[in-house]
Amino acid sequence: MRLARAITTVRSTVRSALARRHSIERARSGRRAPRPGALRRAMSASSSSHPGATFGPIDIPSTQIFHETPTTFALVNLKPVVPGHVLVCPRRVARKFTDLSDDEIGDLWRTVAAVQRVMERVYDTTSSTLAIQDGPLAGQSVPHVHVHVLPRREGDFARNDDVYDELEKWRALDDDRAPRTAEEMKSEADALRVMF
């Protein structure tokens, strides 16, 4: 019963956030890119003053982290490409995947697998896209290794590989997707946290 409530809460929270985001996007069409620092302020905005982790130059509040191990953490996404799009990061700030130790690589992938299983169960799917944009030329927007976990649904993109175009939009940080509020991200993280 608790699991079913958690799944329903996550789905409802994400649906509300996506509906809000789409209405804001329609209203904002044609607006300029966010000012420098806007992303950092939006991601670190929270009622909690204690950061739970560091994501490159951004302090991530513990309210946005839903799963942790000694060397990794999983957080909800400020601007998800699809419902359930989350990130898994090593705790140590490393710009490139090859900068990680063997132990960090092992724990990162074990955590990605655990997060993927939960997200597929929550979003009632059997498929996910796992992606690392390793370095600025690969589209990495935050200089910290992170794995995108995107639960996939039939028809979520016209062409299956369009998901990579959507991920690439983060590089310039000027896409029209409105960021979610700290409260929306906290609600999603709270609901996901009970799944682990």
C-alpha atoms as a PDB file:
ATOM      1  CA  MET A   1       0.000   0.000   0.000  1.00  0.00           C
ATOM      2  CA  ARG A   2       2.815   2.431   0.897  1.00  0.00           C
ATOM      3  CA  LEU A   3       4.587   1.673  -2.397  1.00  0.00           C
ATOM      4  CA  ALA A   4       1.408   2.275  -4.425  1.00  0.00           C
ATOM      5  CA  ARG A   5       0.872   5.632  -2.667  1.00  0.00           C
ATOM      6  CA  ALA A   6       4.471   6.629  -3.343  1.00  0.00           C
ATOM      7  CA  ILE A   7       4.173   5.745  -7.030  1.00  0.00           C
ATOM      8  CA  THR A   8       0.913   7.674  -7.331  1.00  0.00           C
ATOM      9  CA  THR A   9       2.468  10.681  -5.571  1.00  0.00           C
ATOM     10  CA  VAL A  10       5.512  10.709  -7.855  1.00  0.00           C
ATOM     11  CA  ARG A  11       3.382  10.451 -10.996  1.00  0.00           C
ATOM     12  CA  SER A  12       1.024  13.204  -9.793  1.00  0.00           C
ATOM     13  CA  THR A  13       3.886  15.519  -8.796  1.00  0.00           C
ATOM     14  CA  VAL A  14       5.640  15.122 -12.132  1.00  0.00           C
ATOM     15  CA  ARG A  15       2.400  15.541 -14.139  1.00  0.00           C
ATOM     16  CA  SER A  16       1.642  18.793 -12.276  1.00  0.00           C
ATOM     17  CA  ALA A  17       5.165  20.078 -12.809  1.00  0.00           C
ATOM     18  CA  LEU A  18       5.098  19.210 -16.505  1.00  0.00           C
ATOM     19  CA  ALA A  19       1.712  20.892 -16.990  1.00  0.00           C
ATOM     20  CA  ARG A  20       3.018  24.016 -15.251  1.00  0.00           C
ATOM     21  CA  ARG A  21       6.198  23.930 -17.304  1.00  0.00           C
ATOM     22  CA  HIS A  22       4.311  23.618 -20.613  1.00  0.00           C
ATOM     23  CA  SER A  23       2.031  26.560 -19.774  1.00  0.00           C
ATOM     24  CA  ILE A  24       5.052  28.680 -18.824  1.00  0.00           C
ATOM     25  CA  GLU A  25       6.870  27.647 -22.009  1.00  0.00           C
ATOM     26  CA  ARG A  26       3.921  28.781 -24.124  1.00  0.00           C
ATOM     27  CA  ALA A  27       3.853  32.114 -22.310  1.00  0.00           C
ATOM     28  CA  ARG A  28       7.638  32.558 -22.548  1.00  0.00           C
ATOM     29  CA  SER A  29       8.130  31.747 -26.204  1.00  0.00           C
ATOM     30  CA  GLY A  30      10.571  34.170 -27.706  1.00  0.00           C
ATOM     31  CA  ARG A  31      12.221  35.164 -24.412  1.00  0.00           C
ATOM     32  CA  ARG A  32      15.974  35.442 -24.151  1.00  0.00           C
ATOM     33  CA  ALA A  33      18.283  32.934 -22.448  1.00  0.00           C
ATOM     34  CA  PRO A  34      18.522  33.007 -18.654  1.00  0.00           C
ATOM     35  CA  ARG A  35      21.139  35.309 -17.120  1.00  0.00           C
ATOM     36  CA  PRO A  36      24.386  33.737 -15.913  1.00  0.00           C
ATOM     37  CA  GLY A  37      23.896  32.280 -12.457  1.00  0.00           C
ATOM     38  CA  ALA A  38      20.133  31.787 -12.906  1.00  0.00           C
ATOM     39  CA  LEU A  39      20.557  28.005 -13.164  1.00  0.00           C
ATOM     40  CA  ARG A  40      22.741  27.880 -10.046  1.00  0.00           C
ATOM     41  CA  ARG A  41      20.211  29.945  -8.052  1.00  0.00           C
ATOM     42  CA  ALA A  42      17.235  27.878  -9.244  1.00  0.00           C
ATOM     43  CA  MET A  43      18.857  24.546  -8.433  1.00  0.00           C
ATOM     44  CA  SER A  44      20.111  25.617  -5.025  1.00  0.00           C
ATOM     45  CA  ALA A  45      16.887  27.372  -3.983  1.00  0.00           C
ATOM     46  CA  SER A  46      15.330  25.481  -1.113  1.00  0.00           C
ATOM     47  CA  SER A  47      13.906  25.850   2.334  1.00  0.00           C
ATOM     48  CA  SER A  48      16.934  23.882   3.536  1.00  0.00           C
ATOM     49  CA  SER A  49      20.073  25.940   4.033  1.00  0.00           C
ATOM     50  CA  HIS A  50      22.293  22.853   4.317  1.00  0.00           C
ATOM     51  CA  PRO A  51      23.448  21.565   0.920  1.00  0.00           C
ATOM     52  CA  GLY A  52      23.207  17.820   0.545  1.00  0.00           C
ATOM     53  CA  ALA A  53      25.862  17.588  -2.179  1.00  0.00           C
ATOM     54  CA  THR A  54      27.810  19.576  -4.702  1.00  0.00           C
ATOM     55  CA  PHE A  55      27.058  19.242  -8.421  1.00  0.00           C
ATOM     56  CA  GLY A  56      29.912  21.051 -10.130  1.00  0.00           C
ATOM     57  CA  PRO A  57      29.570  24.672  -8.968  1.00  0.00           C
ATOM     58  CA  ILE A  58      26.000  24.115  -7.687  1.00  0.00           C
ATOM     59  CA  ASP A  59      25.044  23.281  -4.105  1.00  0.00           C
ATOM     60  CA  ILE A  60      22.231  20.728  -4.214  1.00  0.00           C
ATOM     61  CA  PRO A  61      19.955  20.807  -1.167  1.00  0.00           C
ATOM     62  CA  SER A  62      19.318  17.498   0.531  1.00  0.00           C
ATOM     63  CA  THR A  63      15.618  18.013  -0.278  1.00  0.00           C
ATOM     64  CA  GLN A  64      16.375  17.329  -3.974  1.00  0.00           C
ATOM     65  CA  ILE A  65      18.407  14.163  -3.342  1.00  0.00           C
ATOM     66  CA  PHE A  66      16.422  10.937  -3.192  1.00  0.00           C
ATOM     67  CA  HIS A  67      19.121   8.245  -2.955  1.00  0.00           C
ATOM     68  CA  GLU A  68      22.683   8.226  -1.611  1.00  0.00           C
ATOM     69  CA  THR A  69      25.610   5.870  -1.181  1.00  0.00           C
ATOM     70  CA  PRO A  70      29.004   6.695   0.330  1.00  0.00           C
ATOM     71  CA  THR A  71      30.314   7.809  -3.086  1.00  0.00           C
ATOM     72  CA  THR A  72      27.242   8.675  -5.193  1.00  0.00           C
ATOM     73  CA  PHE A  73      23.946  10.517  -5.004  1.00  0.00           C
ATOM     74  CA  ALA A  74      20.808  10.650  -7.156  1.00  0.00           C
ATOM     75  CA  LEU A  75      18.839  13.856  -7.586  1.00  0.00           C
ATOM     76  CA  VAL A  76      15.713  15.056  -9.321  1.00  0.00           C
ATOM     77  CA  ASN A  77      16.168  17.174 -12.430  1.00  0.00           C
ATOM     78  CA  LEU A  78      15.526  20.917 -12.649  1.00  0.00           C
ATOM     79  CA  LYS A  79      14.332  20.634 -16.266  1.00  0.00           C
ATOM     80  CA  PRO A  80      13.425  17.010 -17.023  1.00  0.00           C
ATOM     81  CA  VAL A  81      13.292  15.975 -20.673  1.00  0.00           C
ATOM     82  CA  VAL A  82      10.731  13.236 -19.919  1.00  0.00           C
ATOM     83  CA  PRO A  83       8.773  12.400 -16.749  1.00  0.00           C
ATOM     84  CA  GLY A  84      11.149  10.671 -14.345  1.00  0.00           C
ATOM     85  CA  HIS A  85      14.366  12.101 -15.855  1.00  0.00           C
ATOM     86  CA  VAL A  86      16.846  12.098 -12.960  1.00  0.00           C
ATOM     87  CA  LEU A  87      20.619  12.340 -12.511  1.00  0.00           C
ATOM     88  CA  VAL A  88      23.132  10.105 -10.729  1.00  0.00           C
ATOM     89  CA  CYS A  89      26.476  11.693  -9.773  1.00  0.00           C
ATOM     90  CA  PRO A  90      29.644  10.770  -7.930  1.00  0.00           C
ATOM     91  CA  ARG A  91      30.049  12.746  -4.691  1.00  0.00           C
ATOM     92  CA  ARG A  92      33.549  13.823  -5.660  1.00  0.00           C
ATOM     93  CA  VAL A  93      33.450  16.521  -8.312  1.00  0.00           C
ATOM     94  CA  ALA A  94      35.163  15.010 -11.344  1.00  0.00           C
ATOM     95  CA  ARG A  95      34.871  16.681 -14.745  1.00  0.00           C
ATOM     96  CA  LYS A  96      35.324  13.507 -16.788  1.00  0.00           C
ATOM     97  CA  PHE A  97      34.290   9.878 -16.364  1.00  0.00           C
ATOM     98  CA  THR A  98      37.939   8.852 -16.792  1.00  0.00           C
ATOM     99  CA  ASP A  99      38.836  10.969 -13.725  1.00  0.00           C
ATOM    100  CA  LEU A 100      36.880   8.569 -11.480  1.00  0.00           C
ATOM    101  CA  SER A 101      38.551   5.760  -9.545  1.00  0.00           C
ATOM    102  CA  ASP A 102      37.579   2.147 -10.189  1.00  0.00           C
ATOM    103  CA  ASP A 103      35.626   2.091  -6.903  1.00  0.00           C
ATOM    104  CA  GLU A 104      33.747   5.271  -7.854  1.00  0.00           C
ATOM    105  CA  ILE A 105      32.927   3.858 -11.306  1.00  0.00           C
ATOM    106  CA  GLY A 106      31.606   0.627  -9.785  1.00  0.00           C
ATOM    107  CA  ASP A 107      29.434   2.420  -7.236  1.00  0.00           C
ATOM    108  CA  LEU A 108      28.188   4.914  -9.833  1.00  0.00           C
ATOM    109  CA  TRP A 109      26.943   2.128 -12.140  1.00  0.00           C
ATOM    110  CA  ARG A 110      25.440   0.084  -9.269  1.00  0.00           C
ATOM    111  CA  THR A 111      23.543   3.219  -8.214  1.00  0.00           C
ATOM    112  CA  VAL A 112      22.445   3.919 -11.805  1.00  0.00           C
ATOM    113  CA  ALA A 113      21.056   0.356 -12.032  1.00  0.00           C
ATOM    114  CA  ALA A 114      19.170   0.709  -8.731  1.00  0.00           C
ATOM    115  CA  VAL A 115      17.734   4.093  -9.767  1.00  0.00           C
ATOM    116  CA  GLN A 116      16.787   2.786 -13.224  1.00  0.00           C
ATOM    117  CA  ARG A 117      14.877  -0.164 -11.703  1.00  0.00           C
ATOM    118  CA  VAL A 118      12.891   2.202  -9.437  1.00  0.00           C
ATOM    119  CA  MET A 119      12.165   4.753 -12.172  1.00  0.00           C
ATOM    120  CA  GLU A 120      10.970   2.037 -14.585  1.00  0.00           C
ATOM    121  CA  ARG A 121       8.666   0.634 -11.891  1.00  0.00           C
ATOM    122  CA  VAL A 122       7.321   4.085 -10.967  1.00  0.00           C
ATOM    123  CA  TYR A 123       6.747   5.052 -14.620  1.00  0.00           C
ATOM    124  CA  ASP A 124       5.450   1.605 -15.630  1.00  0.00           C
ATOM    125  CA  THR A 125       7.952   1.018 -18.424  1.00  0.00           C
ATOM    126  CA  THR A 126      10.594  -1.522 -19.335  1.00  0.00           C
ATOM    127  CA  SER A 127      13.027   0.786 -21.131  1.00  0.00           C
ATOM    128  CA  SER A 128      15.328   3.668 -20.250  1.00  0.00           C
ATOM    129  CA  THR A 129      17.928   5.847 -21.874  1.00  0.00           C
ATOM    130  CA  LEU A 130      21.155   6.131 -19.878  1.00  0.00           C
ATOM    131  CA  ALA A 131      23.445   8.916 -21.044  1.00  0.00           C
ATOM    132  CA  ILE A 132      26.719  10.563 -20.064  1.00  0.00           C
ATOM    133  CA  GLN A 133      27.817  13.718 -21.841  1.00  0.00           C
ATOM    134  CA  ASP A 134      31.508  13.461 -20.989  1.00  0.00           C
ATOM    135  CA  GLY A 135      33.071  16.888 -21.486  1.00  0.00           C
ATOM    136  CA  PRO A 136      31.897  20.170 -23.032  1.00  0.00           C
ATOM    137  CA  LEU A 137      32.244  18.991 -26.634  1.00  0.00           C
ATOM    138  CA  ALA A 138      29.892  16.114 -25.809  1.00  0.00           C
ATOM    139  CA  GLY A 139      27.273  18.562 -24.504  1.00  0.00           C
ATOM    140  CA  GLN A 140      28.134  18.416 -20.789  1.00  0.00           C
ATOM    141  CA  SER A 141      26.610  21.552 -19.246  1.00  0.00           C
ATOM    142  CA  VAL A 142      27.778  21.083 -15.644  1.00  0.00           C
ATOM    143  CA  PRO A 143      31.470  20.215 -15.175  1.00  0.00           C
ATOM    144  CA  HIS A 144      30.749  17.161 -13.014  1.00  0.00           C
ATOM    145  CA  VAL A 145      30.282  13.597 -14.252  1.00  0.00           C
ATOM    146  CA  HIS A 146      26.603  12.671 -14.183  1.00  0.00           C
ATOM    147  CA  VAL A 147      24.458   9.944 -15.687  1.00  0.00           C
ATOM    148  CA  HIS A 148      21.049  10.868 -17.064  1.00  0.00           C
ATOM    149  CA  VAL A 149      18.416   8.202 -16.329  1.00  0.00           C
ATOM    150  CA  LEU A 150      15.362   8.720 -18.542  1.00  0.00           C
ATOM    151  CA  PRO A 151      12.462   6.251 -18.321  1.00  0.00           C
ATOM    152  CA  ARG A 152      11.164   5.890 -21.878  1.00  0.00           C
ATOM    153  CA  ARG A 153       7.607   5.458 -23.129  1.00  0.00           C
ATOM    154  CA  GLU A 154       6.364   4.578 -26.557  1.00  0.00           C
ATOM    155  CA  GLY A 155       5.883   7.765 -28.552  1.00  0.00           C
ATOM    156  CA  ASP A 156       7.658  10.081 -26.098  1.00  0.00           C
ATOM    157  CA  PHE A 157       9.641  11.418 -29.082  1.00  0.00           C
ATOM    158  CA  ALA A 158       8.811  11.432 -32.797  1.00  0.00           C
ATOM    159  CA  ARG A 159      12.157   9.761 -33.468  1.00  0.00           C
ATOM    160  CA  ASN A 160      13.675   7.707 -30.677  1.00  0.00           C
ATOM    161  CA  ASP A 161      17.051   9.465 -30.947  1.00  0.00           C
ATOM    162  CA  ASP A 162      15.429  12.906 -30.525  1.00  0.00           C
ATOM    163  CA  VAL A 163      16.055  12.366 -26.807  1.00  0.00           C
ATOM    164  CA  TYR A 164      19.710  13.235 -27.459  1.00  0.00           C
ATOM    165  CA  ASP A 165      18.741  16.512 -29.128  1.00  0.00           C
ATOM    166  CA  GLU A 166      16.729  17.404 -26.030  1.00  0.00           C
ATOM    167  CA  LEU A 167      19.670  16.577 -23.757  1.00  0.00           C
ATOM    168  CA  GLU A 168      21.933  18.704 -25.970  1.00  0.00           C
ATOM    169  CA  LYS A 169      19.734  21.770 -25.399  1.00  0.00           C
ATOM    170  CA  TRP A 170      21.074  21.926 -21.845  1.00  0.00           C
ATOM    171  CA  ARG A 171      24.499  22.765 -23.238  1.00  0.00           C
ATOM    172  CA  ALA A 172      23.514  26.322 -24.045  1.00  0.00           C
ATOM    173  CA  LEU A 173      21.124  26.548 -21.083  1.00  0.00           C
ATOM    174  CA  ASP A 174      18.825  28.556 -23.299  1.00  0.00           C
ATOM    175  CA  ASP A 175      16.074  26.123 -24.116  1.00  0.00           C
ATOM    176  CA  ASP A 176      12.498  27.202 -23.536  1.00  0.00           C
ATOM    177  CA  ARG A 177      11.798  24.602 -20.854  1.00  0.00           C
ATOM    178  CA  ALA A 178      10.890  26.382 -17.648  1.00  0.00           C
ATOM    179  CA  PRO A 179      12.731  25.201 -14.530  1.00  0.00           C
ATOM    180  CA  ARG A 180      10.712  23.473 -11.856  1.00  0.00           C
ATOM    181  CA  THR A 181      10.303  25.072  -8.460  1.00  0.00           C
ATOM    182  CA  ALA A 182      12.237  23.900  -5.412  1.00  0.00           C
ATOM    183  CA  GLU A 183       8.934  22.708  -3.936  1.00  0.00           C
ATOM    184  CA  GLU A 184       8.120  20.597  -7.026  1.00  0.00           C
ATOM    185  CA  MET A 185      11.564  18.992  -6.911  1.00  0.00           C
ATOM    186  CA  LYS A 186      11.280  18.392  -3.146  1.00  0.00           C
ATOM    187  CA  SER A 187       7.894  16.687  -3.589  1.00  0.00           C
ATOM    188  CA  GLU A 188       9.273  14.365  -6.257  1.00  0.00           C
ATOM    189  CA  ALA A 189      12.412  13.552  -4.221  1.00  0.00           C
ATOM    190  CA  ASP A 190      10.323  12.872  -1.099  1.00  0.00           C
ATOM    191  CA  ALA A 191       8.131  10.433  -3.015  1.00  0.00           C
ATOM    192  CA  LEU A 192      11.113   8.671  -4.625  1.00  0.00           C
ATOM    193  CA  ARG A 193      13.110   8.445  -1.395  1.00  0.00           C
ATOM    194  CA  VAL A 194      10.704   5.894   0.090  1.00  0.00           C
ATOM    195  CA  MET A 195      11.326   3.589  -2.895  1.00  0.00           C
ATOM    196  CA  PHE A 196      14.888   2.826  -1.733  1.00  0.00           C
END
